Amino acid sequence: MKTPFKLLTLGIAGCCMLASYANSSMASPAVTAIPASGVITAVPISAPISSTDIQVTAKTEQEQTSELTSNLSVPVISGLKDKAYQTKLNDQIAEVAAKDLDAIKSQAKEGLEDATQNGYPFRPYSVDVKYEVKTNANHTLSIKVYTYSYTGGAHGMTRIDTYNVKDSDQAAAITLSDIFGGNYKDVINQQVKAEIAKSPENYFSDEFNEFKGISDDQTFYIENGKAVIVFSAYEIAPYAAGSPEFAIAIPAASSSQDGVQVSSASKQEQLDQLKVDMSVPVITGMKDAQYQAELNDLIARQANKDLESMKEQAQKDAERAKQEGIEVRPYELFIKYDLKSDGSSTSSNRLSIQMTTYTFTGGAHGMTRIDNYNALNNEQASKIELSSLFGDQYKEMINKQIIAEMAKTPEKYFQDEFKGISDTPSFYIEKGDAVIVFGQYEIAPYSSGSPEFRFAIPSESTSTNPTKPSKLVVDNQEIPLLTNKEGVPFAPLRTVAESLGYTLKWNADKQQAEVSKGAQWTAVTVGKDQYTYNKMAPISLGAAPFINDQGSLYVPTTFFDQILKADVKTEVDTIFISQK
């Protein structure tokens, strides 16, 4: 019998979207103070694919009346193994959003009636629901939902709900005790207090409001191997601090020790014409100090340029609106960042940071611009280009796969709009993949957000080797290696895949082998140079699978690193394959 449904809407926290944790200092490896973020971009229609079958899509609802403006983007989860839990979880999330909408509709109606009776101006109320998927990998799903409501006054308020789920046949909510053990409160309280002590001026110090410890239902989400503890506005710090967050490394899941460190330079302003919440990354720990300084300067200058431009535009438009007797909603500028790859040896020394800049200048919605910064963290650092990852023919390869991916759901894109990637396409690097990012309206309508397409980066071992390989070793066992007339080495699929823990299923009618391990899945077809990675658009490896005289199915050895993500190395005349 399945266990009873267990769901934690962890910590219904009232916190302001428009302010964030200020003056965040460099953190110890165990805990990092994180600024609250008020920017949630549209969910990409070609979202990054991890080793999971779980999908999160948006159920949207918009309404605009004289009383209320509502814009709801509610997460809908599919692909959980426990379907009963999935249904109850989706119902729970939807019910919370529906109750919030009904409540603010009632308040807006009363507010308008009161304003009309008493003869004062009424500013329409608003409610916005947006979400971020913080983790969707390794049978773990973590979602952060923001519910922003404005009911008059200088600013609105944001409540943060988090949903952390362990995906299994009997799914359950993940608790802090699951992560840190029975003494989780002592572990977390100690690290939060230590972080607060670094900048006590940013927090309450009186005996009634100071931090005394986390609650029994403490809000948190899971991201990048850390549990991020979330506090509401006014809970442990004044309004200007927004919703303070503290990222605490999950045991045995901390980040690489030789990677760079990124802290936040935060700036918040509440002007009559403009609301500002900026969290700009400051990089330390790169091997090339001069390159690091130049990169930090480049990122900071771009953020400051956006700020000055928005201030100028907001002031001009406010003055014009005043002259014309028009009421103007304050403009907004939100900037946040995400460390996609930390430049450590485990990430092939690749540093990748994504900057998200959201601007609102009136109208139904704002606009989001995404900038990516990619650098090779060597003694002499350099900018990473797609040509260095995929070779000189990268455009042809990438364009072909993007076209194939778009063809799966053509209704989500502008017809005949994609002509190929530019000479300087925007992309970031994450988990061994390069992710191509398109701007809003570039190839798809606004509802599609910023479409993304993910490509596996070939390992260095796939480059041309002057010595022709003649041996194949898998887990210290030599396995037959075949080479075609073009010199491409092939290995027996079943033998190698099963040694890596995969299961094979042969379909004789299709002449196709399905390869799977957990949520990972791919299929290869005899005679077709088309290989899929987690059901993405098929890619070419330059050679098709074949069956030898003994009836064994052979695939190019590059299949094992580019598709199955194994560790493939060539030393002299021997190819070594092992699990990463």
Protein backbone atom coordinates (compact mmCIF):
# COMPACT_ATOMS: atom_id res chain seq x y z
CA MET A 1 0.00 0.00 0.00
CA LYS A 2 1.30 3.43 -0.85
CA THR A 3 2.12 5.83 1.90
CA PRO A 4 -0.30 8.72 2.47
CA PHE A 5 0.20 11.77 0.29
CA LYS A 6 2.84 13.99 1.80
CA LEU A 7 3.28 17.53 0.56
CA LEU A 8 5.02 20.48 2.12
CA THR A 9 4.18 23.98 0.98
CA LEU A 10 7.24 25.02 2.84
CA GLY A 11 6.97 28.31 4.63
CA ILE A 12 4.35 30.66 3.23
CA ALA A 13 6.63 33.65 3.34
CA GLY A 14 5.55 37.22 2.73
CA CYS A 15 8.45 38.97 1.13
CA CYS A 16 8.86 41.90 -1.17
CA MET A 17 9.86 41.20 -4.75
CA LEU A 18 11.31 44.64 -5.16
CA ALA A 19 14.07 44.45 -2.57
CA SER A 20 16.83 41.98 -2.01
CA TYR A 21 19.47 41.04 0.47
CA ALA A 22 21.98 43.86 0.34
CA ASN A 23 25.76 43.84 0.62
CA SER A 24 26.10 40.09 0.44
CA SER A 25 29.59 39.14 1.57
CA MET A 26 31.76 36.30 0.41
CA ALA A 27 30.53 33.14 2.06
CA SER A 28 32.28 30.15 3.52
CA PRO A 29 32.11 26.97 1.47
CA ALA A 30 29.25 25.76 3.66
CA VAL A 31 26.81 28.64 3.48
CA THR A 32 26.22 31.50 1.07
CA ALA A 33 23.91 34.45 1.58
CA ILE A 34 21.91 35.00 -1.60
CA PRO A 35 19.99 38.11 -2.63
CA ALA A 36 16.28 37.67 -3.16
CA SER A 37 15.36 37.74 -6.81
CA GLY A 38 12.25 39.33 -8.24
CA VAL A 39 12.82 38.37 -11.87
CA ILE A 40 11.20 35.26 -13.26
CA THR A 41 11.51 34.90 -17.00
CA ALA A 42 9.15 33.00 -19.23
CA VAL A 43 9.73 29.26 -19.25
CA PRO A 44 11.70 28.33 -22.40
CA ILE A 45 9.81 26.13 -24.81
CA SER A 46 12.96 24.14 -25.42
CA ALA A 47 14.03 23.97 -21.81
CA PRO A 48 17.37 22.50 -20.76
CA ILE A 49 17.10 18.72 -20.64
CA SER A 50 18.55 16.83 -17.72
CA SER A 51 18.49 13.14 -16.93
CA THR A 52 14.84 13.10 -15.94
CA ASP A 53 11.43 12.37 -17.39
CA ILE A 54 9.80 15.07 -15.27
CA GLN A 55 8.44 18.06 -17.17
CA VAL A 56 7.14 21.35 -15.76
CA THR A 57 4.95 23.46 -18.02
CA ALA A 58 3.10 26.70 -17.41
CA LYS A 59 -0.65 27.05 -17.16
CA THR A 60 -1.24 30.74 -17.84
CA GLU A 61 -4.19 33.01 -17.11
CA GLN A 62 -4.41 36.78 -17.66
CA GLU A 63 -7.15 39.25 -16.85
CA GLN A 64 -7.34 43.04 -16.86
CA THR A 65 -10.26 45.07 -15.53
CA SER A 66 -10.70 48.50 -14.00
CA GLU A 67 -10.25 46.85 -10.61
CA LEU A 68 -7.53 44.26 -11.14
CA THR A 69 -4.72 43.09 -13.38
CA SER A 70 -3.82 39.42 -12.99
CA ASN A 71 -1.08 37.45 -14.71
CA LEU A 72 -0.79 33.88 -13.52
CA SER A 73 1.80 31.37 -14.72
CA VAL A 74 1.21 28.29 -12.58
CA PRO A 75 3.49 25.24 -12.81
CA VAL A 76 1.97 21.95 -13.96
CA ILE A 77 4.07 18.86 -13.30
CA SER A 78 4.10 15.72 -15.42
CA GLY A 79 6.31 12.66 -15.54
CA LEU A 80 6.42 11.78 -11.83
CA LYS A 81 6.45 8.04 -11.20
CA ASP A 82 3.75 8.35 -8.54
CA LYS A 83 0.77 9.59 -10.55
CA ALA A 84 -1.54 9.91 -7.54
CA TYR A 85 0.98 12.15 -5.79
CA GLN A 86 1.48 14.14 -8.99
CA THR A 87 -2.27 14.80 -9.30
CA LYS A 88 -2.57 15.93 -5.68
CA LEU A 89 0.52 18.11 -5.97
CA ASN A 90 -0.78 19.83 -9.12
CA ASP A 91 -4.17 20.29 -7.46
CA GLN A 92 -2.51 21.80 -4.39
CA ILE A 93 -0.46 24.30 -6.41
CA ALA A 94 -3.46 25.27 -8.56
CA GLU A 95 -5.70 25.64 -5.51
CA VAL A 96 -3.28 28.04 -3.84
CA ALA A 97 -3.19 30.24 -6.96
CA ALA A 98 -6.99 30.15 -7.32
CA LYS A 99 -7.53 31.16 -3.69
CA ASP A 100 -5.06 34.04 -4.05
CA LEU A 101 -6.85 35.25 -7.17
CA ASP A 102 -10.31 35.06 -5.56
CA ALA A 103 -9.07 36.88 -2.46
CA ILE A 104 -7.52 39.80 -4.32
CA LYS A 105 -10.56 40.09 -6.61
CA SER A 106 -12.71 40.56 -3.53
CA GLN A 107 -10.26 43.09 -2.06
CA ALA A 108 -10.05 45.01 -5.34
CA LYS A 109 -13.82 45.29 -5.58
CA GLU A 110 -14.05 46.62 -2.03
CA GLY A 111 -11.12 48.98 -2.63
CA LEU A 112 -12.72 50.47 -5.74
CA GLU A 113 -16.07 50.91 -4.00
CA ASP A 114 -14.40 52.61 -1.05
CA ALA A 115 -12.36 54.91 -3.32
CA THR A 116 -15.48 55.87 -5.30
CA GLN A 117 -17.50 56.63 -2.17
CA ASN A 118 -14.75 58.71 -0.62
CA GLY A 119 -13.63 60.48 -3.81
CA TYR A 120 -9.97 59.49 -3.96
CA PRO A 121 -8.04 57.97 -6.90
CA PHE A 122 -7.97 54.20 -7.16
CA ARG A 123 -4.95 52.37 -8.52
CA PRO A 124 -5.91 48.93 -9.87
CA TYR A 125 -4.79 46.05 -7.74
CA SER A 126 -2.63 43.34 -9.28
CA VAL A 127 -1.56 39.76 -8.71
CA ASP A 128 1.23 37.92 -10.52
CA VAL A 129 2.20 34.27 -10.10
CA LYS A 130 5.46 33.05 -11.60
CA TYR A 131 7.78 30.17 -10.89
CA GLU A 132 11.30 28.82 -11.28
CA VAL A 133 12.35 25.19 -11.52
CA LYS A 134 15.39 25.12 -9.26
CA THR A 135 16.24 21.42 -9.63
CA ASN A 136 14.99 18.74 -12.00
CA ALA A 137 17.56 15.96 -11.94
CA ASN A 138 18.62 12.87 -10.01
CA HIS A 139 15.00 12.06 -9.09
CA THR A 140 14.65 15.41 -7.35
CA LEU A 141 12.26 18.23 -8.28
CA SER A 142 12.40 21.62 -6.57
CA ILE A 143 10.12 24.49 -7.60
CA LYS A 144 10.00 28.05 -6.28
CA VAL A 145 6.71 29.91 -6.78
CA TYR A 146 6.39 33.69 -6.42
CA THR A 147 3.01 35.26 -5.73
CA TYR A 148 3.21 39.05 -6.00
CA SER A 149 0.21 41.14 -4.98
CA TYR A 150 -0.31 44.88 -5.07
CA THR A 151 -3.19 46.38 -3.10
CA GLY A 152 -2.23 50.04 -3.06
CA GLY A 153 0.57 51.90 -1.34
CA ALA A 154 4.22 52.31 -2.23
CA HIS A 155 4.90 48.72 -3.12
CA GLY A 156 3.44 45.26 -3.34
CA MET A 157 4.31 42.13 -1.43
CA THR A 158 5.58 38.75 -2.56
CA ARG A 159 4.93 35.39 -0.96
CA ILE A 160 7.29 32.54 -1.76
CA ASP A 161 6.12 28.93 -1.76
CA THR A 162 8.48 26.04 -2.43
CA TYR A 163 7.79 22.46 -3.44
CA ASN A 164 10.55 19.87 -3.03
CA VAL A 165 9.77 16.35 -4.20
CA LYS A 166 11.62 13.04 -4.27
CA ASP A 167 10.51 11.23 -7.42
CA SER A 168 9.90 7.54 -6.75
CA ASP A 169 7.14 4.96 -6.97
CA GLN A 170 5.92 6.40 -3.67
CA ALA A 171 6.80 10.06 -4.00
CA ALA A 172 7.22 12.27 -0.97
CA ALA A 173 8.10 15.82 -0.04
CA ILE A 174 11.76 16.35 0.79
CA THR A 175 12.35 17.75 4.25
CA LEU A 176 15.38 19.43 5.78
CA SER A 177 15.76 16.48 8.12
CA ASP A 178 15.98 14.21 5.06
CA ILE A 179 18.91 16.29 3.83
CA PHE A 180 20.82 17.16 7.02
CA GLY A 181 19.64 14.51 9.50
CA GLY A 182 17.81 14.69 12.78
CA ASN A 183 19.86 17.60 14.11
CA TYR A 184 19.20 19.68 10.99
CA LYS A 185 18.08 22.71 13.00
CA ASP A 186 21.37 22.93 14.88
CA VAL A 187 23.35 22.53 11.64
CA ILE A 188 21.39 25.21 9.77
CA ASN A 189 21.01 27.65 12.67
CA GLN A 190 24.75 27.63 13.30
CA GLN A 191 25.59 28.43 9.70
CA VAL A 192 22.90 31.09 9.29
CA LYS A 193 24.06 32.84 12.48
CA ALA A 194 27.65 32.76 11.26
CA GLU A 195 26.62 34.37 7.98
CA ILE A 196 24.54 37.06 9.71
CA ALA A 197 27.51 37.86 11.93
CA LYS A 198 29.49 38.91 8.84
CA SER A 199 27.15 41.88 8.22
CA PRO A 200 24.96 42.31 11.33
CA GLU A 201 23.92 45.81 10.25
CA ASN A 202 21.72 44.22 7.59
CA TYR A 203 19.59 42.30 10.10
CA PHE A 204 17.37 42.96 13.12
CA SER A 205 19.25 42.99 16.41
CA ASP A 206 16.43 43.54 18.91
CA GLU A 207 15.33 40.62 21.06
CA PHE A 208 11.87 40.42 19.50
CA ASN A 209 12.87 40.25 15.83
CA GLU A 210 16.43 38.91 15.69
CA PHE A 211 17.10 35.49 14.23
CA LYS A 212 16.53 32.81 16.85
CA GLY A 213 16.41 29.76 14.62
CA ILE A 214 14.56 28.26 11.68
CA SER A 215 10.93 27.18 12.04
CA ASP A 216 9.52 23.67 11.90
CA ASP A 217 8.18 24.32 8.38
CA GLN A 218 11.07 26.45 7.17
CA THR A 219 10.87 27.51 3.53
CA PHE A 220 13.70 26.18 1.36
CA TYR A 221 14.49 25.02 -2.14
CA ILE A 222 17.25 22.87 -3.63
CA GLU A 223 19.70 24.18 -6.23
CA ASN A 224 23.21 23.23 -7.37
CA GLY A 225 23.82 20.79 -4.55
CA LYS A 226 22.64 23.22 -1.86
CA ALA A 227 19.57 23.71 0.28
CA VAL A 228 18.65 27.40 0.10
CA ILE A 229 16.90 28.64 3.26
CA VAL A 230 14.39 31.42 2.55
CA PHE A 231 13.13 34.03 5.02
CA SER A 232 10.23 36.37 4.45
CA ALA A 233 10.39 40.16 4.49
CA TYR A 234 10.60 41.61 8.01
CA GLU A 235 11.18 38.15 9.49
CA ILE A 236 14.85 38.61 10.39
CA ALA A 237 15.75 41.83 8.56
CA PRO A 238 14.23 45.21 7.63
CA TYR A 239 12.25 45.76 4.44
CA ALA A 240 15.30 46.89 2.47
CA ALA A 241 16.81 43.41 2.85
CA GLY A 242 13.91 41.83 0.99
CA SER A 243 13.76 38.06 1.39
CA PRO A 244 17.16 36.92 2.73
CA GLU A 245 18.38 33.53 1.52
CA PHE A 246 21.18 31.29 2.76
CA ALA A 247 22.59 28.49 0.61
CA ILE A 248 23.91 25.59 2.67
CA ALA A 249 25.90 22.83 1.00
CA ILE A 250 24.18 19.46 1.07
CA PRO A 251 26.54 16.79 2.47
CA ALA A 252 28.43 14.96 -0.27
CA ALA A 253 27.03 17.39 -2.86
CA SER A 254 29.16 20.49 -2.41
CA SER A 255 30.64 22.21 -5.42
CA SER A 256 34.15 21.65 -6.74
CA GLN A 257 36.91 23.10 -4.59
CA ASP A 258 38.98 24.43 -7.49
CA GLY A 259 36.14 26.36 -9.11
CA VAL A 260 35.75 30.13 -9.07
CA GLN A 261 33.63 31.86 -6.45
CA VAL A 262 30.86 34.30 -7.28
CA SER A 263 29.38 36.77 -4.82
CA SER A 264 26.74 39.45 -5.34
CA ALA A 265 27.05 43.21 -5.63
CA SER A 266 23.48 44.21 -4.86
CA LYS A 267 21.68 47.49 -5.39
CA GLN A 268 18.08 48.38 -4.58
CA GLU A 269 16.34 51.69 -5.16
CA GLN A 270 12.72 52.73 -4.74
CA LEU A 271 12.19 55.92 -6.74
CA ASP A 272 8.93 57.57 -7.75
CA GLN A 273 9.52 56.67 -11.37
CA LEU A 274 11.61 53.50 -11.06
CA LYS A 275 11.98 50.34 -8.97
CA VAL A 276 15.46 48.80 -9.05
CA ASP A 277 16.66 45.41 -7.82
CA MET A 278 20.10 44.47 -9.12
CA SER A 279 22.22 41.48 -8.17
CA VAL A 280 25.44 41.66 -10.18
CA PRO A 281 28.05 38.87 -9.95
CA VAL A 282 31.55 39.54 -8.67
CA ILE A 283 34.00 36.80 -9.67
CA THR A 284 36.99 35.72 -7.59
CA GLY A 285 39.37 32.78 -7.80
CA MET A 286 40.14 32.75 -11.53
CA LYS A 287 43.65 31.66 -12.43
CA ASP A 288 44.12 34.71 -14.67
CA ALA A 289 43.63 37.69 -12.33
CA GLN A 290 43.83 40.28 -15.10
CA TYR A 291 41.17 38.54 -17.20
CA GLN A 292 39.04 38.23 -14.06
CA ALA A 293 39.25 41.98 -13.44
CA GLU A 294 38.34 42.75 -17.05
CA LEU A 295 35.39 40.36 -16.96
CA ASN A 296 34.07 41.81 -13.70
CA ASP A 297 34.41 45.30 -15.15
CA LEU A 298 32.58 44.31 -18.34
CA ILE A 299 29.65 42.82 -16.42
CA ALA A 300 29.42 45.76 -13.99
CA ARG A 301 29.57 48.36 -16.77
CA GLN A 302 26.72 46.68 -18.65
CA ALA A 303 24.54 46.63 -15.52
CA ASN A 304 25.28 50.28 -14.74
CA LYS A 305 24.56 51.23 -18.34
CA ASP A 306 21.15 49.56 -18.08
CA LEU A 307 20.47 51.36 -14.81
CA GLU A 308 21.36 54.81 -16.12
CA SER A 309 19.35 54.23 -19.29
CA MET A 310 16.28 53.19 -17.32
CA LYS A 311 16.57 56.16 -14.96
CA GLU A 312 16.76 58.57 -17.87
CA GLN A 313 13.85 56.95 -19.71
CA ALA A 314 11.69 56.76 -16.58
CA GLN A 315 12.24 60.43 -15.77
CA LYS A 316 11.49 61.63 -19.29
CA ASP A 317 8.35 59.53 -19.59
CA ALA A 318 7.15 60.55 -16.12
CA GLU A 319 7.55 64.25 -16.99
CA ARG A 320 5.67 63.79 -20.26
CA ALA A 321 2.89 61.86 -18.51
CA LYS A 322 2.56 64.58 -15.89
CA GLN A 323 2.19 67.24 -18.58
CA GLU A 324 -0.50 65.17 -20.29
CA GLY A 325 -2.27 64.32 -17.03
CA ILE A 326 -1.64 60.58 -17.34
CA GLU A 327 -0.97 58.34 -14.35
CA VAL A 328 2.13 56.20 -14.89
CA ARG A 329 3.01 52.97 -13.17
CA PRO A 330 6.64 53.08 -12.01
CA TYR A 331 9.11 51.45 -14.37
CA GLU A 332 11.07 48.41 -13.18
CA LEU A 333 14.60 47.10 -13.61
CA PHE A 334 15.54 43.69 -12.25
CA ILE A 335 18.94 42.09 -12.82
CA LYS A 336 19.99 38.67 -11.57
CA TYR A 337 22.61 36.08 -12.49
CA ASP A 338 23.09 32.32 -12.52
CA LEU A 339 26.41 30.49 -12.34
CA LYS A 340 26.02 27.78 -14.97
CA SER A 341 29.54 26.31 -14.88
CA ASP A 342 32.10 27.09 -12.17
CA GLY A 343 35.38 26.89 -14.09
CA SER A 344 36.63 23.91 -12.07
CA SER A 345 38.56 20.95 -13.39
CA THR A 346 35.41 18.83 -13.20
CA SER A 347 33.75 21.28 -15.61
CA SER A 348 36.74 21.23 -17.99
CA ASN A 349 37.80 24.66 -16.61
CA ARG A 350 34.80 26.27 -18.29
CA LEU A 351 33.29 29.27 -16.52
CA SER A 352 29.80 30.26 -17.63
CA ILE A 353 27.59 32.97 -16.11
CA GLN A 354 24.16 33.98 -17.32
CA MET A 355 22.79 37.48 -16.67
CA THR A 356 19.03 38.10 -16.86
CA THR A 357 17.89 41.72 -17.21
CA TYR A 358 14.16 42.40 -16.94
CA THR A 359 12.75 45.85 -17.76
CA PHE A 360 9.18 47.12 -17.50
CA THR A 361 8.30 50.40 -19.17
CA GLY A 362 4.52 50.16 -19.22
CA GLY A 363 2.14 47.98 -21.15
CA ALA A 364 0.98 44.44 -20.52
CA HIS A 365 4.39 43.02 -19.71
CA GLY A 366 8.07 43.75 -19.52
CA MET A 367 10.97 42.43 -21.58
CA THR A 368 13.84 40.16 -20.63
CA ARG A 369 17.33 40.26 -22.11
CA ILE A 370 19.76 37.42 -21.49
CA ASP A 371 23.54 37.91 -21.64
CA ASN A 372 25.99 35.04 -21.28
CA TYR A 373 29.67 35.19 -20.37
CA ASN A 374 31.83 32.12 -21.10
CA ALA A 375 35.53 31.89 -20.34
CA LEU A 376 38.18 29.19 -20.15
CA ASN A 377 39.66 29.34 -16.64
CA ASN A 378 43.33 28.76 -17.50
CA GLU A 379 46.54 30.55 -16.53
CA GLN A 380 45.84 32.65 -19.62
CA ALA A 381 42.07 32.80 -19.68
CA SER A 382 40.19 33.28 -22.92
CA LYS A 383 36.67 33.70 -24.19
CA ILE A 384 35.00 30.44 -25.19
CA GLU A 385 33.62 30.38 -28.72
CA LEU A 386 31.31 27.79 -30.26
CA SER A 387 33.98 27.04 -32.86
CA SER A 388 36.35 25.96 -30.09
CA LEU A 389 33.71 23.56 -28.75
CA PHE A 390 32.32 22.10 -31.98
CA GLY A 391 34.89 22.91 -34.68
CA ASP A 392 34.81 25.19 -37.68
CA GLN A 393 31.62 23.62 -39.06
CA TYR A 394 29.65 24.38 -35.90
CA LYS A 395 27.06 26.55 -37.65
CA GLU A 396 25.97 23.83 -40.05
CA MET A 397 25.69 21.26 -37.26
CA ILE A 398 23.81 23.55 -34.85
CA ASN A 399 21.45 24.97 -37.47
CA LYS A 400 20.52 21.49 -38.65
CA GLN A 401 19.61 20.33 -35.16
CA ILE A 402 17.69 23.49 -34.27
CA ILE A 403 15.61 23.18 -37.43
CA ALA A 404 14.89 19.56 -36.56
CA GLU A 405 13.88 20.46 -33.02
CA MET A 406 11.61 23.29 -34.17
CA ALA A 407 9.95 20.97 -36.67
CA LYS A 408 8.62 18.88 -33.78
CA THR A 409 6.40 21.76 -32.57
CA PRO A 410 6.25 24.30 -35.42
CA GLU A 411 3.21 26.01 -33.92
CA LYS A 412 5.40 27.41 -31.14
CA TYR A 413 7.71 29.30 -33.51
CA PHE A 414 7.48 31.97 -36.18
CA GLN A 415 7.19 30.33 -39.56
CA ASP A 416 10.31 30.61 -41.74
CA GLU A 417 11.87 33.07 -39.28
CA PHE A 418 14.92 31.05 -38.26
CA LYS A 419 17.64 31.54 -40.89
CA GLY A 420 20.52 30.19 -38.84
CA ILE A 421 22.50 31.28 -35.80
CA SER A 422 24.45 34.52 -35.96
CA ASP A 423 28.23 34.88 -35.91
CA THR A 424 28.01 35.69 -32.20
CA PRO A 425 25.12 33.60 -30.87
CA SER A 426 24.23 33.79 -27.20
CA PHE A 427 24.94 30.57 -25.31
CA TYR A 428 25.90 29.25 -21.92
CA ILE A 429 27.64 26.06 -20.79
CA GLU A 430 26.10 23.69 -18.27
CA LYS A 431 26.81 20.06 -17.35
CA GLY A 432 28.89 19.38 -20.44
CA ASP A 433 26.41 20.97 -22.83
CA ALA A 434 26.34 24.23 -24.77
CA VAL A 435 22.88 25.81 -24.64
CA ILE A 436 21.98 28.20 -27.48
CA VAL A 437 19.67 31.00 -26.30
CA PHE A 438 17.41 33.15 -28.49
CA GLY A 439 15.95 36.48 -27.45
CA GLN A 440 12.26 37.14 -27.03
CA TYR A 441 10.48 37.55 -30.37
CA GLU A 442 13.63 36.46 -32.22
CA ILE A 443 12.24 33.17 -33.52
CA ALA A 444 9.04 32.74 -31.49
CA PRO A 445 6.19 34.76 -29.93
CA TYR A 446 6.42 36.33 -26.48
CA SER A 447 4.61 33.44 -24.80
CA SER A 448 7.54 31.20 -25.72
CA GLY A 449 9.98 33.22 -23.64
CA SER A 450 13.61 32.84 -24.66
CA PRO A 451 13.85 29.53 -26.54
CA GLU A 452 16.87 27.35 -25.72
CA PHE A 453 18.48 24.42 -27.53
CA ARG A 454 20.98 22.13 -25.84
CA PHE A 455 23.98 20.45 -27.53
CA ALA A 456 26.39 17.93 -26.03
CA ILE A 457 29.97 19.24 -26.18
CA PRO A 458 32.36 16.67 -27.68
CA SER A 459 35.07 15.64 -25.27
CA GLU A 460 38.70 16.30 -26.12
CA SER A 461 39.09 12.59 -26.66
CA THR A 462 36.96 12.80 -29.81
CA SER A 463 39.48 15.00 -31.60
CA THR A 464 41.66 13.53 -34.32
CA ASN A 465 44.43 11.33 -32.93
CA PRO A 466 47.54 10.82 -35.05
CA THR A 467 47.80 7.21 -33.87
CA LYS A 468 45.06 4.91 -35.14
CA PRO A 469 43.39 3.15 -32.16
CA SER A 470 43.59 -0.62 -32.29
CA LYS A 471 42.45 -1.60 -28.78
CA LEU A 472 39.37 -0.93 -26.66
CA VAL A 473 39.40 -1.33 -22.88
CA VAL A 474 36.24 -1.11 -20.74
CA ASP A 475 36.59 -1.60 -16.98
CA ASN A 476 40.04 -3.16 -17.43
CA GLN A 477 38.67 -5.67 -19.94
CA GLU A 478 39.76 -5.62 -23.56
CA ILE A 479 36.84 -5.65 -26.01
CA PRO A 480 36.89 -6.13 -29.81
CA LEU A 481 37.38 -2.85 -31.69
CA LEU A 482 36.48 -2.46 -35.35
CA THR A 483 37.45 0.39 -37.69
CA ASN A 484 35.68 1.31 -40.93
CA LYS A 485 37.45 2.40 -44.10
CA GLU A 486 37.30 6.05 -43.03
CA GLY A 487 39.21 5.17 -39.85
CA VAL A 488 36.24 5.60 -37.49
CA PRO A 489 36.54 3.23 -34.48
CA PHE A 490 33.44 1.16 -33.58
CA ALA A 491 32.60 -0.79 -30.41
CA PRO A 492 29.96 -3.45 -29.66
CA LEU A 493 27.00 -1.56 -28.21
CA ARG A 494 25.61 -4.20 -25.86
CA THR A 495 28.93 -5.18 -24.33
CA VAL A 496 30.04 -1.63 -23.59
CA ALA A 497 26.64 -0.22 -22.61
CA GLU A 498 25.89 -3.04 -20.16
CA SER A 499 29.32 -2.61 -18.57
CA LEU A 500 28.31 1.02 -17.96
CA GLY A 501 25.09 -0.06 -16.28
CA TYR A 502 22.66 0.39 -19.18
CA THR A 503 19.91 -1.98 -20.30
CA LEU A 504 19.35 -2.79 -23.97
CA LYS A 505 16.09 -3.72 -25.69
CA TRP A 506 16.20 -4.87 -29.33
CA ASN A 507 13.35 -4.14 -31.76
CA ALA A 508 13.81 -6.47 -34.72
CA ASP A 509 11.09 -4.84 -36.81
CA LYS A 510 12.68 -1.41 -36.55
CA GLN A 511 16.25 -2.77 -36.50
CA GLN A 512 16.66 -0.51 -33.48
CA ALA A 513 18.22 -0.86 -30.02
CA GLU A 514 16.84 1.11 -27.09
CA VAL A 515 19.41 1.95 -24.43
CA SER A 516 18.25 3.06 -20.97
CA LYS A 517 19.41 3.57 -17.41
CA GLY A 518 16.99 5.18 -15.00
CA ALA A 519 15.60 8.28 -16.69
CA GLN A 520 18.29 8.26 -19.39
CA TRP A 521 17.12 6.93 -22.75
CA THR A 522 18.36 6.77 -26.31
CA ALA A 523 17.91 4.63 -29.39
CA VAL A 524 20.14 3.68 -32.31
CA THR A 525 18.96 2.32 -35.64
CA VAL A 526 21.03 0.19 -37.97
CA GLY A 527 22.19 2.19 -40.99
CA LYS A 528 21.12 5.59 -39.65
CA ASP A 529 23.67 8.20 -38.57
CA GLN A 530 21.12 9.74 -36.20
CA TYR A 531 21.59 9.55 -32.46
CA THR A 532 19.35 11.07 -29.79
CA TYR A 533 20.24 12.33 -26.34
CA ASN A 534 17.33 12.19 -23.86
CA LYS A 535 14.80 12.51 -26.71
CA MET A 536 16.35 15.69 -28.13
CA ALA A 537 16.78 16.31 -31.83
CA PRO A 538 18.98 13.58 -33.37
CA ILE A 539 22.61 14.44 -34.03
CA SER A 540 25.16 12.98 -36.43
CA LEU A 541 28.34 11.26 -35.26
CA GLY A 542 29.71 10.85 -38.77
CA ALA A 543 29.04 7.12 -39.02
CA ALA A 544 26.00 4.84 -38.83
CA PRO A 545 25.58 1.74 -36.63
CA PHE A 546 26.00 -1.64 -38.30
CA ILE A 547 25.68 -5.35 -37.50
CA ASN A 548 28.83 -7.43 -38.04
CA ASP A 549 29.03 -10.98 -39.38
CA GLN A 550 28.54 -12.43 -35.90
CA GLY A 551 25.29 -10.50 -35.40
CA SER A 552 26.59 -7.87 -32.96
CA LEU A 553 25.49 -4.25 -33.23
CA TYR A 554 28.41 -1.82 -33.41
CA VAL A 555 28.33 1.97 -32.87
CA PRO A 556 31.05 4.66 -33.13
CA THR A 557 33.01 4.96 -29.89
CA THR A 558 32.02 8.65 -29.82
CA PHE A 559 28.49 7.42 -29.04
CA PHE A 560 29.56 6.59 -25.51
CA ASP A 561 30.81 10.06 -24.56
CA GLN A 562 28.53 12.28 -26.66
CA ILE A 563 25.31 10.33 -26.09
CA LEU A 564 25.78 8.20 -22.97
CA LYS A 565 28.06 10.79 -21.33
CA ALA A 566 30.69 8.22 -20.37
CA ASP A 567 34.38 9.02 -19.94
CA VAL A 568 36.17 8.16 -23.20
CA LYS A 569 39.93 8.66 -23.46
CA THR A 570 42.46 7.71 -26.10
CA GLU A 571 46.03 6.96 -25.08
CA VAL A 572 48.46 6.02 -27.82
CA ASP A 573 46.61 3.17 -29.62
CA THR A 574 44.03 2.31 -26.94
CA ILE A 575 40.57 3.73 -26.26
CA PHE A 576 39.47 3.58 -22.62
CA ILE A 577 35.77 3.84 -21.73
CA SER A 578 34.48 4.16 -18.17
CA GLN A 579 31.58 5.71 -16.31
CA LYS A 580 32.09 9.32 -15.21
